[in-house]
Amino acid sequence: MEMDVVIFRRRGAAAKLQLGAVVPFEGNSAKLVLHPLCAWTLDSCFAKSDTLELLLDEEEPPIQLPPPGGDAGVVIAAVLDDVGYGSRVVGGGIGPSNPHGEESEDLFYLDRNAIPEGVEVVLRPELEVFW
């Protein structure tokens, strides 16, 4: 379902388990895709918790989901429970591409203990926003 966070792997012998989210394709809620997730740090995003803050990995293309019974080229290993959701202003809300902070991106909050061993969390430290 839309906004589900899943553990998946691409078909193939050496495929790694990854985190992804089911999201609308380019704003079209009638067409959903599986988009890989990434984090800019493995540090907890909240005090007194072990929560990772994840966002859509723009370096990876979304994976089109087939109609029921079709083959997407991926295997969904699990759908994760207890996912928190939020958003952040794109580019920190400053600069020529988003000067007033109108554009935002989805964030997904997962307890590190809910991520099974062997699941790769892709790190993209350049995506951290400094206020």
N, C-alpha and C. Protein backbone atom coordinates (compact mmCIF):
# COMPACT_ATOMS: atom_id res chain seq x y z
N MET A 1 0.84 -1.18 0.00
CA MET A 1 0.00 0.00 0.00
C MET A 1 0.88 1.24 0.00
N GLU A 2 0.32 2.34 -0.40
CA GLU A 2 1.06 3.59 -0.45
C GLU A 2 1.66 3.93 0.90
N MET A 3 2.92 4.32 0.90
CA MET A 3 3.73 4.72 2.06
C MET A 3 4.20 3.54 2.91
N ASP A 4 3.95 2.30 2.48
CA ASP A 4 4.52 1.17 3.18
C ASP A 4 6.03 1.20 3.04
N VAL A 5 6.73 0.84 4.09
CA VAL A 5 8.18 0.66 4.03
C VAL A 5 8.43 -0.84 4.04
N VAL A 6 9.22 -1.29 3.09
CA VAL A 6 9.44 -2.71 2.90
C VAL A 6 10.93 -3.04 2.86
N ILE A 7 11.22 -4.30 3.09
CA ILE A 7 12.54 -4.86 2.82
C ILE A 7 12.40 -5.63 1.52
N PHE A 8 13.29 -5.35 0.58
CA PHE A 8 13.20 -6.01 -0.71
C PHE A 8 14.58 -6.36 -1.23
N ARG A 9 14.60 -7.19 -2.23
CA ARG A 9 15.83 -7.47 -2.96
C ARG A 9 15.49 -7.60 -4.44
N ARG A 10 16.41 -7.18 -5.25
CA ARG A 10 16.24 -7.34 -6.69
C ARG A 10 16.49 -8.79 -7.02
N ARG A 11 15.86 -9.28 -8.06
CA ARG A 11 16.07 -10.67 -8.47
C ARG A 11 17.52 -10.83 -8.93
N GLY A 12 18.14 -11.90 -8.54
CA GLY A 12 19.53 -12.17 -8.90
C GLY A 12 20.25 -12.80 -7.74
N ALA A 13 21.26 -13.57 -8.03
CA ALA A 13 21.96 -14.35 -7.01
C ALA A 13 22.65 -13.47 -5.96
N ALA A 14 23.25 -12.36 -6.37
CA ALA A 14 24.02 -11.53 -5.44
C ALA A 14 23.23 -10.33 -4.92
N ALA A 15 21.93 -10.35 -5.06
CA ALA A 15 21.13 -9.19 -4.66
C ALA A 15 21.12 -9.02 -3.14
N LYS A 16 21.29 -7.77 -2.70
CA LYS A 16 21.28 -7.45 -1.27
C LYS A 16 19.88 -7.06 -0.83
N LEU A 17 19.60 -7.28 0.43
CA LEU A 17 18.35 -6.79 1.00
C LEU A 17 18.47 -5.29 1.22
N GLN A 18 17.44 -4.56 0.83
CA GLN A 18 17.43 -3.10 0.93
C GLN A 18 16.11 -2.63 1.52
N LEU A 19 16.08 -1.36 1.91
CA LEU A 19 14.86 -0.72 2.38
C LEU A 19 14.26 0.08 1.23
N GLY A 20 12.94 0.07 1.14
CA GLY A 20 12.26 0.85 0.11
C GLY A 20 10.90 1.29 0.61
N ALA A 21 10.31 2.24 -0.10
CA ALA A 21 8.98 2.73 0.24
C ALA A 21 8.10 2.70 -1.01
N VAL A 22 6.85 2.36 -0.81
CA VAL A 22 5.87 2.38 -1.89
C VAL A 22 5.28 3.78 -1.94
N VAL A 23 5.55 4.49 -3.03
CA VAL A 23 5.15 5.89 -3.14
C VAL A 23 4.53 6.16 -4.51
N PRO A 24 3.77 7.25 -4.64
CA PRO A 24 3.21 7.61 -5.95
C PRO A 24 4.33 7.96 -6.94
N PHE A 25 4.14 7.57 -8.18
CA PHE A 25 5.11 7.87 -9.23
C PHE A 25 4.90 9.30 -9.71
N GLU A 26 5.88 10.17 -9.42
CA GLU A 26 5.86 11.57 -9.85
C GLU A 26 4.51 12.24 -9.58
N GLY A 27 4.00 12.05 -8.38
CA GLY A 27 2.77 12.73 -7.97
C GLY A 27 1.48 12.07 -8.44
N ASN A 28 1.58 10.98 -9.19
CA ASN A 28 0.39 10.30 -9.70
C ASN A 28 0.01 9.19 -8.72
N SER A 29 -0.95 9.45 -7.85
CA SER A 29 -1.30 8.48 -6.82
C SER A 29 -1.98 7.24 -7.39
N ALA A 30 -2.35 7.26 -8.67
CA ALA A 30 -2.94 6.08 -9.29
C ALA A 30 -1.86 5.07 -9.69
N LYS A 31 -0.61 5.52 -9.75
CA LYS A 31 0.49 4.64 -10.15
C LYS A 31 1.54 4.66 -9.04
N LEU A 32 1.74 3.51 -8.42
CA LEU A 32 2.69 3.40 -7.32
C LEU A 32 3.98 2.74 -7.78
N VAL A 33 5.09 3.14 -7.15
CA VAL A 33 6.40 2.55 -7.44
C VAL A 33 7.06 2.19 -6.11
N LEU A 34 8.05 1.33 -6.19
CA LEU A 34 8.89 1.02 -5.04
C LEU A 34 10.16 1.84 -5.19
N HIS A 35 10.40 2.72 -4.22
CA HIS A 35 11.57 3.60 -4.31
C HIS A 35 12.55 3.25 -3.19
N PRO A 36 13.80 2.93 -3.53
CA PRO A 36 14.80 2.65 -2.49
C PRO A 36 14.96 3.83 -1.53
N LEU A 37 15.29 3.51 -0.29
CA LEU A 37 15.50 4.53 0.74
C LEU A 37 16.98 4.63 1.10
N CYS A 38 17.37 5.77 1.63
CA CYS A 38 18.74 5.98 2.10
C CYS A 38 18.71 6.83 3.35
N ALA A 39 19.86 6.93 4.00
CA ALA A 39 20.03 7.79 5.19
C ALA A 39 21.28 8.61 5.00
N TRP A 40 21.36 9.78 5.65
CA TRP A 40 22.59 10.56 5.56
C TRP A 40 23.52 10.27 6.74
N THR A 41 22.99 9.57 7.75
CA THR A 41 23.81 9.17 8.89
C THR A 41 23.16 7.96 9.55
N LEU A 42 23.98 7.19 10.24
CA LEU A 42 23.46 6.07 11.03
C LEU A 42 23.26 6.48 12.49
N ASP A 43 23.53 7.75 12.81
CA ASP A 43 23.27 8.27 14.15
C ASP A 43 21.77 8.40 14.35
N SER A 44 21.34 8.25 15.58
CA SER A 44 19.93 8.42 15.90
C SER A 44 19.49 9.86 15.66
N CYS A 45 18.30 10.03 15.15
CA CYS A 45 17.81 11.39 14.87
C CYS A 45 17.07 12.00 16.06
N PHE A 46 16.78 11.21 17.08
CA PHE A 46 16.09 11.72 18.26
C PHE A 46 16.89 11.34 19.51
N ALA A 47 16.87 12.21 20.50
CA ALA A 47 17.52 11.89 21.77
C ALA A 47 16.77 10.74 22.44
N LYS A 48 17.48 9.92 23.14
CA LYS A 48 16.90 8.81 23.91
C LYS A 48 16.15 7.81 23.04
N SER A 49 16.60 7.62 21.80
CA SER A 49 16.01 6.60 20.94
C SER A 49 17.08 6.09 20.00
N ASP A 50 16.75 5.08 19.27
CA ASP A 50 17.66 4.52 18.28
C ASP A 50 16.94 4.54 16.93
N THR A 51 16.52 5.72 16.52
CA THR A 51 15.69 5.89 15.33
C THR A 51 16.51 6.44 14.18
N LEU A 52 16.37 5.78 13.03
CA LEU A 52 17.01 6.27 11.80
C LEU A 52 16.03 7.11 11.02
N GLU A 53 16.54 8.16 10.40
CA GLU A 53 15.75 9.03 9.54
C GLU A 53 16.14 8.71 8.09
N LEU A 54 15.17 8.24 7.31
CA LEU A 54 15.41 7.80 5.94
C LEU A 54 14.63 8.67 4.96
N LEU A 55 15.12 8.75 3.74
CA LEU A 55 14.41 9.46 2.69
C LEU A 55 14.59 8.73 1.37
N LEU A 56 13.83 9.14 0.36
CA LEU A 56 13.92 8.49 -0.94
C LEU A 56 15.31 8.71 -1.52
N ASP A 57 15.91 7.64 -2.02
CA ASP A 57 17.25 7.69 -2.59
C ASP A 57 17.14 8.15 -4.04
N GLU A 58 17.44 9.41 -4.28
CA GLU A 58 17.31 9.97 -5.62
C GLU A 58 18.40 9.48 -6.57
N GLU A 59 19.42 8.80 -6.04
CA GLU A 59 20.46 8.22 -6.89
C GLU A 59 19.98 6.92 -7.55
N GLU A 60 18.95 6.33 -6.99
CA GLU A 60 18.40 5.08 -7.50
C GLU A 60 17.05 5.34 -8.15
N PRO A 61 16.82 4.77 -9.32
CA PRO A 61 15.51 4.97 -9.96
C PRO A 61 14.42 4.16 -9.24
N PRO A 62 13.20 4.66 -9.27
CA PRO A 62 12.10 3.89 -8.68
C PRO A 62 11.85 2.63 -9.51
N ILE A 63 11.31 1.63 -8.85
CA ILE A 63 11.02 0.35 -9.49
C ILE A 63 9.52 0.29 -9.75
N GLN A 64 9.15 0.14 -10.99
CA GLN A 64 7.74 0.09 -11.33
C GLN A 64 7.13 -1.20 -10.78
N LEU A 65 5.98 -1.08 -10.16
CA LEU A 65 5.28 -2.23 -9.62
C LEU A 65 4.33 -2.77 -10.69
N PRO A 66 4.32 -4.07 -10.88
CA PRO A 66 3.47 -4.66 -11.92
C PRO A 66 2.03 -4.79 -11.45
N PRO A 67 1.11 -5.08 -12.35
CA PRO A 67 -0.24 -5.40 -11.91
C PRO A 67 -0.21 -6.69 -11.09
N PRO A 68 -1.26 -6.95 -10.32
CA PRO A 68 -1.28 -8.18 -9.51
C PRO A 68 -0.97 -9.40 -10.37
N GLY A 69 -0.06 -10.23 -9.85
CA GLY A 69 0.32 -11.44 -10.57
C GLY A 69 1.49 -11.24 -11.52
N GLY A 70 1.91 -9.98 -11.74
CA GLY A 70 3.02 -9.70 -12.64
C GLY A 70 4.36 -9.79 -11.92
N ASP A 71 5.45 -9.69 -12.67
CA ASP A 71 6.79 -9.79 -12.11
C ASP A 71 7.45 -8.41 -12.13
N ALA A 72 7.85 -7.93 -10.96
CA ALA A 72 8.47 -6.61 -10.87
C ALA A 72 9.98 -6.66 -10.91
N GLY A 73 10.55 -7.85 -10.91
CA GLY A 73 12.00 -7.94 -10.85
C GLY A 73 12.54 -7.77 -9.45
N VAL A 74 11.65 -7.70 -8.47
CA VAL A 74 12.05 -7.61 -7.07
C VAL A 74 11.23 -8.60 -6.25
N VAL A 75 11.78 -8.94 -5.10
CA VAL A 75 11.08 -9.79 -4.15
C VAL A 75 10.90 -8.98 -2.87
N ILE A 76 9.67 -8.85 -2.41
CA ILE A 76 9.39 -8.16 -1.14
C ILE A 76 9.56 -9.19 -0.03
N ALA A 77 10.53 -8.96 0.84
CA ALA A 77 10.81 -9.90 1.92
C ALA A 77 9.93 -9.63 3.14
N ALA A 78 9.61 -8.35 3.39
CA ALA A 78 8.80 -8.01 4.57
C ALA A 78 8.26 -6.59 4.42
N VAL A 79 7.12 -6.38 5.05
CA VAL A 79 6.56 -5.03 5.21
C VAL A 79 6.79 -4.66 6.67
N LEU A 80 7.41 -3.52 6.90
CA LEU A 80 7.76 -3.12 8.27
C LEU A 80 6.61 -2.40 8.96
N ASP A 81 6.46 -2.68 10.24
CA ASP A 81 5.45 -2.03 11.08
C ASP A 81 6.11 -0.87 11.83
N ASP A 82 5.30 -0.08 12.47
CA ASP A 82 5.77 0.99 13.36
C ASP A 82 6.72 1.96 12.65
N VAL A 83 6.31 2.41 11.50
CA VAL A 83 7.07 3.41 10.74
C VAL A 83 6.51 4.78 11.09
N GLY A 84 7.40 5.71 11.37
CA GLY A 84 6.99 7.09 11.59
C GLY A 84 7.20 7.88 10.30
N TYR A 85 6.42 8.91 10.11
CA TYR A 85 6.50 9.71 8.89
C TYR A 85 6.68 11.18 9.23
N GLY A 86 7.36 11.88 8.36
CA GLY A 86 7.55 13.31 8.51
C GLY A 86 7.95 13.89 7.17
N SER A 87 8.39 15.12 7.20
CA SER A 87 8.89 15.75 5.97
C SER A 87 9.91 16.80 6.36
N ARG A 88 10.72 17.16 5.39
CA ARG A 88 11.68 18.24 5.60
C ARG A 88 11.67 19.12 4.37
N VAL A 89 12.02 20.36 4.57
CA VAL A 89 12.06 21.33 3.48
C VAL A 89 13.23 20.98 2.57
N VAL A 90 13.00 20.96 1.28
CA VAL A 90 14.04 20.65 0.31
C VAL A 90 15.08 21.76 0.34
N GLY A 91 16.35 21.37 0.41
CA GLY A 91 17.43 22.35 0.41
C GLY A 91 17.46 23.24 1.63
N GLY A 92 16.78 22.84 2.69
CA GLY A 92 16.76 23.66 3.89
C GLY A 92 15.88 24.90 3.75
N GLY A 93 15.15 25.01 2.62
CA GLY A 93 14.26 26.14 2.42
C GLY A 93 14.96 27.41 2.02
N ILE A 94 16.21 27.29 1.61
CA ILE A 94 16.95 28.48 1.21
C ILE A 94 17.57 28.24 -0.16
N GLY A 95 17.95 29.28 -0.80
CA GLY A 95 18.62 29.16 -2.09
C GLY A 95 17.68 29.35 -3.25
N PRO A 96 18.22 29.38 -4.45
CA PRO A 96 17.42 29.71 -5.63
C PRO A 96 16.39 28.65 -6.02
N SER A 97 16.60 27.40 -5.63
CA SER A 97 15.65 26.37 -6.06
C SER A 97 14.43 26.24 -5.16
N ASN A 98 14.49 26.74 -3.95
CA ASN A 98 13.36 26.63 -3.02
C ASN A 98 13.45 27.76 -1.99
N PRO A 99 13.40 29.02 -2.41
CA PRO A 99 13.70 30.14 -1.51
C PRO A 99 12.71 30.32 -0.36
N HIS A 100 11.47 29.87 -0.52
CA HIS A 100 10.48 30.09 0.53
C HIS A 100 10.08 28.80 1.24
N GLY A 101 10.70 27.70 0.85
CA GLY A 101 10.44 26.43 1.53
C GLY A 101 9.14 25.77 1.16
N GLU A 102 8.62 26.04 -0.04
CA GLU A 102 7.35 25.42 -0.45
C GLU A 102 7.50 23.93 -0.74
N GLU A 103 8.67 23.51 -1.21
CA GLU A 103 8.89 22.12 -1.59
C GLU A 103 9.43 21.33 -0.40
N SER A 104 8.87 20.15 -0.21
CA SER A 104 9.35 19.30 0.88
C SER A 104 9.50 17.87 0.37
N GLU A 105 10.19 17.05 1.16
CA GLU A 105 10.35 15.65 0.81
C GLU A 105 9.97 14.80 2.00
N ASP A 106 9.48 13.60 1.71
CA ASP A 106 9.03 12.69 2.76
C ASP A 106 10.21 12.12 3.53
N LEU A 107 9.99 11.92 4.83
CA LEU A 107 10.95 11.24 5.70
C LEU A 107 10.27 10.03 6.31
N PHE A 108 11.05 9.00 6.55
CA PHE A 108 10.56 7.76 7.13
C PHE A 108 11.43 7.46 8.35
N TYR A 109 10.79 7.26 9.51
CA TYR A 109 11.51 7.02 10.75
C TYR A 109 11.34 5.55 11.15
N LEU A 110 12.49 4.87 11.31
CA LEU A 110 12.48 3.46 11.69
C LEU A 110 13.37 3.24 12.90
N ASP A 111 12.88 2.46 13.84
CA ASP A 111 13.72 2.03 14.94
C ASP A 111 14.77 1.09 14.37
N ARG A 112 16.01 1.35 14.69
CA ARG A 112 17.11 0.53 14.16
C ARG A 112 16.90 -0.96 14.48
N ASN A 113 16.30 -1.27 15.61
CA ASN A 113 16.06 -2.66 16.00
C ASN A 113 15.01 -3.35 15.13
N ALA A 114 14.22 -2.58 14.38
CA ALA A 114 13.21 -3.16 13.49
C ALA A 114 13.81 -3.57 12.15
N ILE A 115 15.06 -3.19 11.91
CA ILE A 115 15.72 -3.51 10.66
C ILE A 115 16.55 -4.77 10.88
N PRO A 116 16.17 -5.88 10.26
CA PRO A 116 16.89 -7.14 10.48
C PRO A 116 18.35 -7.06 10.04
N GLU A 117 19.17 -7.87 10.68
CA GLU A 117 20.58 -7.97 10.29
C GLU A 117 20.65 -8.43 8.83
N GLY A 118 21.58 -7.85 8.10
CA GLY A 118 21.75 -8.22 6.69
C GLY A 118 21.07 -7.27 5.73
N VAL A 119 20.25 -6.34 6.26
CA VAL A 119 19.60 -5.35 5.40
C VAL A 119 20.53 -4.16 5.25
N GLU A 120 20.85 -3.81 4.02
CA GLU A 120 21.76 -2.70 3.74
C GLU A 120 21.03 -1.36 3.90
N VAL A 121 21.63 -0.46 4.68
CA VAL A 121 21.14 0.91 4.77
C VAL A 121 22.12 1.76 3.97
N VAL A 122 21.68 2.29 2.85
CA VAL A 122 22.53 3.09 1.98
C VAL A 122 22.78 4.44 2.63
N LEU A 123 24.04 4.84 2.71
CA LEU A 123 24.40 6.13 3.31
C LEU A 123 24.71 7.14 2.22
N ARG A 124 24.12 8.33 2.34
CA ARG A 124 24.38 9.45 1.44
C ARG A 124 24.55 10.70 2.32
N PRO A 125 25.74 10.87 2.93
CA PRO A 125 25.95 11.99 3.86
C PRO A 125 25.76 13.36 3.22
N GLU A 126 25.89 13.47 1.92
CA GLU A 126 25.70 14.75 1.25
C GLU A 126 24.26 15.23 1.29
N LEU A 127 23.33 14.39 1.70
CA LEU A 127 21.92 14.78 1.76
C LEU A 127 21.53 15.43 3.09
N GLU A 128 22.46 15.51 4.04
CA GLU A 128 22.14 16.16 5.30
C GLU A 128 21.93 17.65 5.07
N VAL A 129 20.92 18.19 5.73
CA VAL A 129 20.63 19.61 5.63
C VAL A 129 21.17 20.30 6.87
N PHE A 130 21.99 21.32 6.67
CA PHE A 130 22.52 22.09 7.78
C PHE A 130 21.75 23.40 7.86
N TRP A 131 21.17 23.68 9.01
CA TRP A 131 20.38 24.89 9.16
C TRP A 131 21.28 25.97 9.54
